[in-house]
N, C-alpha and C. Protein backbone atom coordinates (compact mmCIF):
# COMPACT_ATOMS: atom_id res chain seq x y z
N MET A 1 -164.72 57.93 104.62
CA MET A 1 -165.93 58.15 103.86
C MET A 1 -167.13 57.99 104.80
N PRO A 2 -168.02 59.00 104.87
CA PRO A 2 -169.18 58.90 105.77
C PRO A 2 -170.18 57.87 105.28
N HIS A 3 -170.85 57.25 106.23
CA HIS A 3 -171.89 56.27 105.90
C HIS A 3 -173.25 56.93 106.00
N PRO A 4 -174.18 56.50 105.16
CA PRO A 4 -175.52 57.09 105.23
C PRO A 4 -176.17 56.81 106.59
N THR A 5 -176.99 57.70 107.01
CA THR A 5 -177.73 57.52 108.25
C THR A 5 -178.76 56.42 108.04
N PRO A 6 -178.86 55.45 108.96
CA PRO A 6 -179.83 54.38 108.77
C PRO A 6 -181.27 54.90 108.80
N SER A 7 -182.14 54.22 108.11
CA SER A 7 -183.53 54.60 108.07
C SER A 7 -184.21 54.37 109.40
N GLN A 8 -185.20 55.14 109.67
CA GLN A 8 -186.06 54.95 110.83
C GLN A 8 -187.39 54.42 110.33
N THR A 9 -188.16 53.80 111.19
CA THR A 9 -189.46 53.32 110.73
C THR A 9 -190.36 54.50 110.44
N VAL A 10 -191.32 54.29 109.55
CA VAL A 10 -192.27 55.31 109.14
C VAL A 10 -193.45 55.28 110.10
N GLY A 11 -193.87 56.43 110.61
CA GLY A 11 -195.07 56.52 111.44
C GLY A 11 -194.76 56.22 112.89
N PRO A 12 -195.72 56.23 113.78
CA PRO A 12 -197.15 56.43 113.50
C PRO A 12 -197.44 57.87 113.08
N PHE A 13 -198.56 58.04 112.42
CA PHE A 13 -198.96 59.35 111.96
C PHE A 13 -200.04 59.89 112.87
N TYR A 14 -199.92 61.12 113.22
CA TYR A 14 -200.88 61.74 114.11
C TYR A 14 -201.91 62.51 113.30
N GLY A 15 -203.15 62.33 113.66
CA GLY A 15 -204.25 62.91 112.91
C GLY A 15 -204.21 64.41 112.75
N TYR A 16 -203.53 65.11 113.62
CA TYR A 16 -203.49 66.57 113.51
C TYR A 16 -202.35 67.06 112.63
N ALA A 17 -201.45 66.22 112.24
CA ALA A 17 -200.23 66.69 111.58
C ALA A 17 -200.28 66.63 110.06
N LEU A 18 -200.69 65.55 109.47
CA LEU A 18 -200.57 65.40 108.02
C LEU A 18 -201.89 65.40 107.25
N PRO A 19 -202.92 64.71 107.69
CA PRO A 19 -204.18 64.80 106.95
C PRO A 19 -204.72 66.23 107.03
N PHE A 20 -205.50 66.63 106.04
CA PHE A 20 -206.05 67.97 106.02
C PHE A 20 -207.50 67.90 105.55
N PRO A 21 -208.31 68.88 105.91
CA PRO A 21 -209.72 68.86 105.50
C PRO A 21 -209.85 68.76 103.99
N GLY A 22 -210.70 67.86 103.53
CA GLY A 22 -210.90 67.67 102.10
C GLY A 22 -209.78 66.92 101.43
N GLY A 23 -208.86 66.34 102.19
CA GLY A 23 -207.71 65.66 101.61
C GLY A 23 -208.05 64.48 100.73
N SER A 24 -209.23 63.94 100.90
CA SER A 24 -209.64 62.78 100.11
C SER A 24 -210.43 63.17 98.86
N GLN A 25 -210.49 64.46 98.53
CA GLN A 25 -211.35 64.90 97.43
C GLN A 25 -210.61 65.75 96.40
N PRO A 26 -209.78 65.13 95.56
CA PRO A 26 -209.16 65.91 94.49
C PRO A 26 -210.17 66.38 93.44
N ALA A 27 -211.33 65.70 93.35
CA ALA A 27 -212.39 66.11 92.43
C ALA A 27 -213.34 67.03 93.18
N PRO A 28 -213.84 68.05 92.50
CA PRO A 28 -214.79 68.94 93.16
C PRO A 28 -216.06 68.18 93.58
N PRO A 29 -216.63 68.51 94.73
CA PRO A 29 -217.86 67.85 95.17
C PRO A 29 -218.95 67.99 94.11
N GLY A 30 -219.67 66.91 93.86
CA GLY A 30 -220.78 66.93 92.91
C GLY A 30 -220.37 66.87 91.45
N HIS A 31 -219.09 66.70 91.16
CA HIS A 31 -218.65 66.62 89.76
C HIS A 31 -219.31 65.43 89.08
N ALA A 32 -219.87 65.62 87.91
CA ALA A 32 -220.64 64.58 87.23
C ALA A 32 -219.82 63.35 86.87
N ASP A 33 -218.52 63.50 86.67
CA ASP A 33 -217.68 62.38 86.27
C ASP A 33 -216.88 61.76 87.42
N ALA A 34 -217.18 62.16 88.64
CA ALA A 34 -216.40 61.68 89.78
C ALA A 34 -216.62 60.19 90.04
N VAL A 35 -215.58 59.55 90.54
CA VAL A 35 -215.64 58.16 90.97
C VAL A 35 -215.08 58.10 92.39
N THR A 36 -215.44 57.04 93.09
CA THR A 36 -214.89 56.81 94.42
C THR A 36 -214.04 55.57 94.36
N VAL A 37 -212.83 55.67 94.87
CA VAL A 37 -211.92 54.54 94.97
C VAL A 37 -211.66 54.34 96.46
N HIS A 38 -211.83 53.12 96.94
CA HIS A 38 -211.64 52.88 98.37
C HIS A 38 -211.01 51.52 98.58
N GLY A 39 -210.61 51.29 99.81
CA GLY A 39 -210.01 50.02 100.16
C GLY A 39 -209.55 50.06 101.60
N ALA A 40 -208.69 49.13 101.95
CA ALA A 40 -208.12 49.07 103.29
C ALA A 40 -206.65 48.70 103.17
N VAL A 41 -205.89 49.04 104.18
CA VAL A 41 -204.47 48.67 104.25
C VAL A 41 -204.36 47.54 105.27
N TYR A 42 -203.67 46.46 104.86
CA TYR A 42 -203.49 45.29 105.73
C TYR A 42 -202.00 45.01 105.90
N ASP A 43 -201.63 44.55 107.10
CA ASP A 43 -200.24 44.17 107.36
C ASP A 43 -200.01 42.73 106.93
N GLY A 44 -198.83 42.21 107.18
CA GLY A 44 -198.46 40.86 106.76
C GLY A 44 -199.28 39.76 107.40
N ALA A 45 -199.88 40.02 108.55
CA ALA A 45 -200.72 39.04 109.22
C ALA A 45 -202.18 39.16 108.80
N GLY A 46 -202.46 40.07 107.86
CA GLY A 46 -203.83 40.25 107.40
C GLY A 46 -204.67 41.13 108.30
N GLN A 47 -204.01 41.83 109.22
CA GLN A 47 -204.73 42.73 110.14
C GLN A 47 -204.77 44.14 109.55
N PRO A 48 -205.88 44.86 109.75
CA PRO A 48 -205.97 46.23 109.25
C PRO A 48 -204.95 47.14 109.93
N VAL A 49 -204.43 48.11 109.18
CA VAL A 49 -203.47 49.08 109.71
C VAL A 49 -204.23 50.38 109.95
N PRO A 50 -204.52 50.71 111.22
CA PRO A 50 -205.36 51.86 111.52
C PRO A 50 -204.64 53.21 111.50
N ASP A 51 -203.33 53.23 111.32
CA ASP A 51 -202.59 54.48 111.38
C ASP A 51 -201.70 54.70 110.15
N ALA A 52 -202.15 54.20 109.01
CA ALA A 52 -201.40 54.41 107.77
C ALA A 52 -201.82 55.74 107.13
N LEU A 53 -201.00 56.21 106.24
CA LEU A 53 -201.29 57.41 105.47
C LEU A 53 -201.10 57.04 104.01
N VAL A 54 -202.08 57.36 103.18
CA VAL A 54 -202.04 56.99 101.77
C VAL A 54 -202.16 58.26 100.93
N GLU A 55 -201.18 58.47 100.04
CA GLU A 55 -201.22 59.62 99.13
C GLU A 55 -201.47 59.13 97.71
N PHE A 56 -202.19 59.95 96.96
CA PHE A 56 -202.54 59.62 95.57
C PHE A 56 -202.19 60.80 94.68
N TRP A 57 -201.62 60.49 93.53
CA TRP A 57 -201.38 61.47 92.47
C TRP A 57 -201.92 60.86 91.19
N GLN A 58 -202.43 61.71 90.33
CA GLN A 58 -202.91 61.21 89.04
C GLN A 58 -202.97 62.33 88.02
N ALA A 59 -202.97 61.92 86.76
CA ALA A 59 -203.17 62.87 85.68
C ALA A 59 -204.65 63.25 85.64
N ALA A 60 -204.91 64.45 85.18
CA ALA A 60 -206.30 64.90 84.97
C ALA A 60 -206.90 64.13 83.80
N PRO A 61 -208.21 64.10 83.67
CA PRO A 61 -208.84 63.39 82.57
C PRO A 61 -208.34 63.83 81.18
N ASP A 62 -207.87 65.08 81.05
CA ASP A 62 -207.34 65.54 79.76
C ASP A 62 -205.88 65.13 79.55
N GLY A 63 -205.30 64.42 80.52
CA GLY A 63 -203.93 63.95 80.40
C GLY A 63 -202.90 64.86 81.02
N SER A 64 -203.28 66.08 81.40
CA SER A 64 -202.31 66.99 82.02
C SER A 64 -201.91 66.48 83.39
N ARG A 65 -200.67 66.76 83.76
CA ARG A 65 -200.15 66.26 85.03
C ARG A 65 -199.76 67.40 85.99
N THR A 66 -200.16 68.60 85.67
CA THR A 66 -199.74 69.72 86.51
C THR A 66 -200.63 69.90 87.74
N GLY A 67 -201.87 69.44 87.70
CA GLY A 67 -202.76 69.62 88.83
C GLY A 67 -203.07 71.09 89.06
N ARG A 68 -203.82 71.35 90.08
CA ARG A 68 -204.19 72.72 90.45
C ARG A 68 -203.80 72.93 91.90
N PRO A 69 -203.44 74.14 92.26
CA PRO A 69 -203.19 74.38 93.68
C PRO A 69 -204.48 74.23 94.47
N GLY A 70 -204.33 74.00 95.73
CA GLY A 70 -205.55 73.98 96.51
C GLY A 70 -205.52 73.09 97.72
N SER A 71 -204.74 72.03 97.69
CA SER A 71 -204.79 71.08 98.78
C SER A 71 -204.50 71.73 100.13
N LEU A 72 -203.49 72.56 100.20
CA LEU A 72 -203.11 73.16 101.47
C LEU A 72 -203.07 74.69 101.39
N ARG A 73 -203.89 75.28 100.52
CA ARG A 73 -203.88 76.74 100.36
C ARG A 73 -204.23 77.43 101.68
N ARG A 74 -203.60 78.54 101.91
CA ARG A 74 -203.86 79.37 103.10
C ARG A 74 -204.51 80.67 102.67
N ASP A 75 -205.38 81.19 103.50
CA ASP A 75 -206.00 82.48 103.26
C ASP A 75 -204.96 83.56 103.54
N PRO A 76 -204.63 84.39 102.53
CA PRO A 76 -203.57 85.39 102.73
C PRO A 76 -203.95 86.47 103.75
N VAL A 77 -205.23 86.63 104.02
CA VAL A 77 -205.65 87.66 104.97
C VAL A 77 -205.59 87.13 106.40
N THR A 78 -206.19 85.98 106.63
CA THR A 78 -206.27 85.46 108.01
C THR A 78 -205.17 84.45 108.34
N GLY A 79 -204.53 83.89 107.30
CA GLY A 79 -203.54 82.85 107.52
C GLY A 79 -204.15 81.50 107.82
N GLY A 80 -205.48 81.44 107.84
CA GLY A 80 -206.18 80.19 108.11
C GLY A 80 -206.20 79.27 106.91
N TYR A 81 -206.74 78.10 107.11
CA TYR A 81 -206.84 77.11 106.05
C TYR A 81 -207.90 77.51 105.06
N LEU A 82 -207.56 77.60 103.80
CA LEU A 82 -208.51 77.93 102.75
C LEU A 82 -208.87 76.68 101.95
N GLY A 83 -207.88 75.83 101.70
CA GLY A 83 -208.13 74.55 101.04
C GLY A 83 -208.45 74.66 99.57
N ARG A 84 -209.03 73.60 99.06
CA ARG A 84 -209.39 73.54 97.64
C ARG A 84 -210.51 74.52 97.35
N ASP A 85 -210.56 74.95 96.07
CA ASP A 85 -211.58 75.93 95.72
C ASP A 85 -212.94 75.31 95.40
N GLY A 86 -213.02 73.97 95.34
CA GLY A 86 -214.30 73.32 95.08
C GLY A 86 -214.73 73.32 93.63
N VAL A 87 -213.87 73.84 92.76
CA VAL A 87 -214.20 73.96 91.34
C VAL A 87 -213.24 73.15 90.48
N HIS A 88 -211.95 73.18 90.81
CA HIS A 88 -210.93 72.57 89.97
C HIS A 88 -210.42 71.25 90.53
N PHE A 89 -210.01 70.39 89.62
CA PHE A 89 -209.40 69.11 89.96
C PHE A 89 -207.93 69.35 90.33
N THR A 90 -207.48 68.81 91.47
CA THR A 90 -206.11 69.06 91.91
C THR A 90 -205.15 67.92 91.58
N GLY A 91 -205.65 66.69 91.44
CA GLY A 91 -204.78 65.56 91.11
C GLY A 91 -204.01 64.99 92.28
N PHE A 92 -204.24 65.49 93.50
CA PHE A 92 -203.52 65.02 94.68
C PHE A 92 -204.51 64.77 95.82
N ALA A 93 -204.29 63.66 96.52
CA ALA A 93 -205.10 63.35 97.70
C ALA A 93 -204.20 62.78 98.78
N ARG A 94 -204.55 63.03 100.03
CA ARG A 94 -203.84 62.45 101.18
C ARG A 94 -204.90 62.02 102.18
N VAL A 95 -204.87 60.72 102.51
CA VAL A 95 -205.91 60.14 103.34
C VAL A 95 -205.29 59.30 104.45
N ALA A 96 -205.75 59.50 105.66
CA ALA A 96 -205.36 58.63 106.77
C ALA A 96 -206.35 57.47 106.82
N THR A 97 -205.88 56.29 107.16
CA THR A 97 -206.80 55.17 107.33
C THR A 97 -207.57 55.34 108.64
N ASP A 98 -208.77 54.77 108.67
CA ASP A 98 -209.56 54.85 109.90
C ASP A 98 -209.20 53.70 110.83
N ALA A 99 -209.95 53.52 111.88
CA ALA A 99 -209.65 52.48 112.90
C ALA A 99 -209.68 51.07 112.31
N ASP A 100 -210.37 50.89 111.19
CA ASP A 100 -210.44 49.58 110.55
C ASP A 100 -209.51 49.48 109.34
N GLY A 101 -208.61 50.45 109.18
CA GLY A 101 -207.65 50.43 108.08
C GLY A 101 -208.20 50.92 106.75
N HIS A 102 -209.43 51.43 106.73
CA HIS A 102 -210.06 51.86 105.47
C HIS A 102 -209.64 53.26 105.05
N TRP A 103 -209.67 53.47 103.74
CA TRP A 103 -209.42 54.76 103.13
C TRP A 103 -210.40 54.92 101.97
N SER A 104 -210.62 56.16 101.53
CA SER A 104 -211.52 56.43 100.41
C SER A 104 -211.11 57.73 99.74
N VAL A 105 -211.16 57.75 98.41
CA VAL A 105 -210.80 58.94 97.63
C VAL A 105 -211.91 59.22 96.62
N HIS A 106 -212.31 60.48 96.53
CA HIS A 106 -213.32 60.95 95.57
C HIS A 106 -212.55 61.70 94.49
N THR A 107 -212.47 61.10 93.28
CA THR A 107 -211.59 61.65 92.25
C THR A 107 -212.24 61.54 90.88
N LEU A 108 -211.50 61.89 89.84
CA LEU A 108 -211.96 61.72 88.47
C LEU A 108 -211.23 60.54 87.84
N ARG A 109 -211.88 59.91 86.88
CA ARG A 109 -211.28 58.76 86.21
C ARG A 109 -210.02 59.22 85.47
N PRO A 110 -208.90 58.51 85.67
CA PRO A 110 -207.67 58.91 84.98
C PRO A 110 -207.78 58.67 83.46
N PRO A 111 -206.96 59.36 82.68
CA PRO A 111 -207.02 59.24 81.22
C PRO A 111 -206.39 57.94 80.71
N ALA A 112 -206.69 57.59 79.47
CA ALA A 112 -206.12 56.38 78.87
C ALA A 112 -204.60 56.46 78.77
N SER A 113 -204.05 57.67 78.68
CA SER A 113 -202.60 57.82 78.57
C SER A 113 -201.86 57.52 79.88
N ALA A 114 -202.54 57.61 80.99
CA ALA A 114 -201.98 57.28 82.32
C ALA A 114 -203.14 56.72 83.14
N PRO A 115 -203.56 55.49 82.85
CA PRO A 115 -204.83 54.95 83.37
C PRO A 115 -204.80 54.44 84.82
N TYR A 116 -204.12 55.15 85.68
CA TYR A 116 -203.96 54.66 87.04
C TYR A 116 -203.85 55.83 88.02
N LEU A 117 -204.03 55.51 89.28
CA LEU A 117 -203.73 56.42 90.39
C LEU A 117 -202.36 55.98 90.92
N SER A 118 -201.44 56.89 91.04
CA SER A 118 -200.16 56.59 91.69
C SER A 118 -200.38 56.67 93.19
N VAL A 119 -199.83 55.70 93.92
CA VAL A 119 -200.08 55.60 95.35
C VAL A 119 -198.76 55.56 96.10
N CYS A 120 -198.71 56.28 97.21
CA CYS A 120 -197.57 56.23 98.11
C CYS A 120 -198.13 55.88 99.49
N LEU A 121 -197.64 54.79 100.07
CA LEU A 121 -198.15 54.28 101.33
C LEU A 121 -197.11 54.47 102.43
N PHE A 122 -197.52 55.10 103.51
CA PHE A 122 -196.70 55.27 104.71
C PHE A 122 -197.39 54.50 105.82
N ALA A 123 -196.66 53.68 106.54
CA ALA A 123 -197.28 52.92 107.63
C ALA A 123 -196.24 52.53 108.66
N ARG A 124 -196.72 52.28 109.86
CA ARG A 124 -195.84 51.87 110.96
C ARG A 124 -195.07 50.61 110.56
N GLY A 125 -193.85 50.54 111.01
CA GLY A 125 -193.05 49.35 110.73
C GLY A 125 -192.30 49.38 109.42
N LEU A 126 -192.63 50.30 108.52
CA LEU A 126 -191.93 50.39 107.24
C LEU A 126 -190.68 51.25 107.41
N LEU A 127 -189.60 50.83 106.80
CA LEU A 127 -188.39 51.66 106.80
C LEU A 127 -188.46 52.75 105.75
N HIS A 128 -189.19 52.48 104.67
CA HIS A 128 -189.38 53.44 103.59
C HIS A 128 -190.83 53.37 103.14
N HIS A 129 -191.32 54.47 102.64
CA HIS A 129 -192.68 54.44 102.10
C HIS A 129 -192.70 53.54 100.85
N LEU A 130 -193.87 53.07 100.50
CA LEU A 130 -194.03 52.14 99.38
C LEU A 130 -194.82 52.81 98.26
N PHE A 131 -194.41 52.53 97.02
CA PHE A 131 -195.11 53.06 95.85
C PHE A 131 -195.83 51.94 95.12
N THR A 132 -197.01 52.23 94.66
CA THR A 132 -197.75 51.28 93.85
C THR A 132 -198.71 52.05 92.94
N ARG A 133 -199.57 51.35 92.28
CA ARG A 133 -200.58 51.95 91.41
C ARG A 133 -201.92 51.27 91.66
N VAL A 134 -202.97 52.01 91.32
CA VAL A 134 -204.32 51.44 91.30
C VAL A 134 -204.90 51.74 89.93
N TYR A 135 -205.16 50.69 89.17
CA TYR A 135 -205.79 50.81 87.85
C TYR A 135 -207.28 50.58 88.02
N LEU A 136 -208.11 51.46 87.43
CA LEU A 136 -209.56 51.27 87.53
C LEU A 136 -210.07 50.28 86.49
N ALA A 137 -209.29 50.04 85.46
CA ALA A 137 -209.59 49.01 84.45
C ALA A 137 -208.26 48.59 83.86
N GLU A 138 -208.18 47.37 83.40
CA GLU A 138 -206.91 46.92 82.81
C GLU A 138 -206.79 47.50 81.41
N PRO A 139 -205.77 48.33 81.17
CA PRO A 139 -205.59 48.90 79.84
C PRO A 139 -205.15 47.86 78.83
N ALA A 140 -205.39 48.16 77.56
CA ALA A 140 -205.01 47.24 76.49
C ALA A 140 -203.50 46.99 76.49
N ALA A 141 -202.73 48.03 76.74
CA ALA A 141 -201.28 47.89 76.76
C ALA A 141 -200.72 48.79 77.85
N ASP A 142 -199.94 48.20 78.74
CA ASP A 142 -199.29 48.97 79.79
C ASP A 142 -197.97 48.26 80.09
N PRO A 143 -196.83 48.97 79.97
CA PRO A 143 -195.54 48.32 80.15
C PRO A 143 -195.37 47.65 81.52
N LEU A 144 -195.87 48.26 82.57
CA LEU A 144 -195.73 47.67 83.89
C LEU A 144 -196.57 46.41 84.01
N LEU A 145 -197.83 46.48 83.66
CA LEU A 145 -198.71 45.32 83.77
C LEU A 145 -198.25 44.17 82.87
N ALA A 146 -197.70 44.50 81.72
CA ALA A 146 -197.26 43.46 80.77
C ALA A 146 -196.14 42.61 81.35
N LYS A 147 -195.36 43.14 82.30
CA LYS A 147 -194.24 42.40 82.89
C LYS A 147 -194.66 41.50 84.03
N LEU A 148 -195.90 41.61 84.47
CA LEU A 148 -196.34 40.87 85.66
C LEU A 148 -197.17 39.64 85.31
N PRO A 149 -196.99 38.55 86.05
CA PRO A 149 -197.89 37.41 85.88
C PRO A 149 -199.32 37.84 86.30
N ALA A 150 -200.30 37.16 85.77
CA ALA A 150 -201.70 37.53 85.99
C ALA A 150 -202.04 37.68 87.47
N ALA A 151 -201.58 36.77 88.31
CA ALA A 151 -201.92 36.83 89.75
C ALA A 151 -201.33 38.09 90.40
N ARG A 152 -200.12 38.46 90.02
CA ARG A 152 -199.51 39.67 90.59
C ARG A 152 -200.15 40.93 90.00
N ARG A 153 -200.48 40.89 88.72
CA ARG A 153 -201.13 42.02 88.05
C ARG A 153 -202.46 42.35 88.74
N ALA A 154 -203.16 41.32 89.20
CA ALA A 154 -204.45 41.51 89.85
C ALA A 154 -204.35 42.36 91.10
N THR A 155 -203.18 42.42 91.74
CA THR A 155 -203.04 43.21 92.97
C THR A 155 -203.04 44.72 92.68
N LEU A 156 -202.99 45.10 91.41
CA LEU A 156 -203.01 46.50 91.02
C LEU A 156 -204.35 46.93 90.43
N LEU A 157 -205.21 45.98 90.15
CA LEU A 157 -206.47 46.27 89.48
C LEU A 157 -207.62 46.44 90.47
N ALA A 158 -208.22 47.61 90.47
CA ALA A 158 -209.39 47.84 91.32
C ALA A 158 -210.58 47.08 90.75
N GLN A 159 -211.45 46.67 91.63
CA GLN A 159 -212.66 45.94 91.22
C GLN A 159 -213.87 46.84 91.37
N PRO A 160 -214.81 46.78 90.41
CA PRO A 160 -216.04 47.56 90.57
C PRO A 160 -216.74 47.16 91.86
N ASP A 161 -217.27 48.16 92.55
CA ASP A 161 -217.91 47.94 93.85
C ASP A 161 -219.15 48.83 93.97
N GLY A 162 -219.90 48.91 92.89
CA GLY A 162 -221.08 49.78 92.84
C GLY A 162 -220.99 50.72 91.66
N ASP A 163 -221.95 51.62 91.56
CA ASP A 163 -221.98 52.59 90.46
C ASP A 163 -220.89 53.62 90.65
N ARG A 164 -219.89 53.63 89.77
CA ARG A 164 -218.75 54.54 89.80
C ARG A 164 -217.97 54.45 91.11
N VAL A 165 -217.94 53.23 91.67
CA VAL A 165 -217.18 52.96 92.90
C VAL A 165 -216.27 51.78 92.63
N TYR A 166 -215.03 51.86 93.08
CA TYR A 166 -214.02 50.82 92.87
C TYR A 166 -213.34 50.52 94.20
N ARG A 167 -212.90 49.25 94.35
CA ARG A 167 -212.20 48.87 95.57
C ARG A 167 -210.86 48.22 95.23
N ARG A 168 -209.82 48.64 95.96
CA ARG A 168 -208.50 48.02 95.86
C ARG A 168 -207.86 48.06 97.24
N ASP A 169 -207.71 46.93 97.85
CA ASP A 169 -207.04 46.84 99.13
C ASP A 169 -205.54 46.83 98.91
N LEU A 170 -204.80 47.33 99.89
CA LEU A 170 -203.34 47.36 99.84
C LEU A 170 -202.81 46.43 100.92
N HIS A 171 -202.09 45.40 100.51
CA HIS A 171 -201.52 44.42 101.43
C HIS A 171 -200.01 44.64 101.47
N ILE A 172 -199.50 45.00 102.64
CA ILE A 172 -198.08 45.35 102.77
C ILE A 172 -197.19 44.11 102.61
N GLN A 173 -197.64 42.96 103.09
CA GLN A 173 -196.89 41.71 102.98
C GLN A 173 -197.87 40.56 102.91
N GLY A 174 -197.32 39.37 102.79
CA GLY A 174 -198.13 38.17 102.89
C GLY A 174 -198.59 37.60 101.56
N GLU A 175 -199.50 36.68 101.67
CA GLU A 175 -200.01 35.94 100.51
C GLU A 175 -200.63 36.84 99.45
N LYS A 176 -201.29 37.92 99.87
CA LYS A 176 -201.97 38.82 98.94
C LYS A 176 -201.18 40.10 98.69
N GLU A 177 -199.88 40.09 98.97
CA GLU A 177 -199.06 41.30 98.90
C GLU A 177 -199.26 42.05 97.58
N THR A 178 -199.48 43.34 97.71
CA THR A 178 -199.62 44.24 96.57
C THR A 178 -198.26 44.36 95.87
N VAL A 179 -198.28 44.54 94.56
CA VAL A 179 -197.05 44.83 93.83
C VAL A 179 -196.62 46.25 94.19
N PHE A 180 -195.40 46.38 94.71
CA PHE A 180 -194.84 47.70 95.02
C PHE A 180 -193.70 47.98 94.06
N LEU A 181 -193.52 49.25 93.72
CA LEU A 181 -192.56 49.66 92.72
C LEU A 181 -191.28 50.17 93.39
N ASP A 182 -190.15 49.92 92.77
CA ASP A 182 -188.85 50.34 93.30
C ASP A 182 -188.33 51.47 92.43
N PHE A 183 -188.27 52.68 92.99
CA PHE A 183 -187.78 53.85 92.26
C PHE A 183 -186.38 54.26 92.72
N THR A 184 -185.66 53.35 93.36
CA THR A 184 -184.33 53.70 93.88
C THR A 184 -183.22 53.55 92.85
N HIS A 185 -183.46 52.93 91.75
CA HIS A 185 -182.39 52.71 90.77
C HIS A 185 -182.52 53.64 89.60
């Protein structure tokens, strides 16, 4: 019976390979209901991770989960990068952290039916990418949050950080470790 191939560590990620222009903007520029969600990625020693990649998926404000094409669209004539159309919400973002481990996403507030941003974190030293959520406000009832003690639940809740701006740092390990979800079972 063959054995599975062992995992390799994730990353480092090269700036030319995975991030793309406008990758942090699933909401059209200037949209009246847009919010900014930002934070930093920290390792187990509390040091910023400057070469992480963070992906976000979310439902549109109307609750639909299909998104719109656009993140990596190509121009059929030139074959060049066409990108998002600047009008429609795509529901997907991919952001590389900067030299200080920071990331930022310009998006729309998720609906009450799915009141969170789904997050997938790729970083050096990880054998597998990590899944988590970022809630912009604590919903009245959420099955995942209801199972967590208050201190652990707080690692998923973004904090207001200005007008329509929220902050949620992602801690890979350590005292402030973010709650990560296991989708392997």
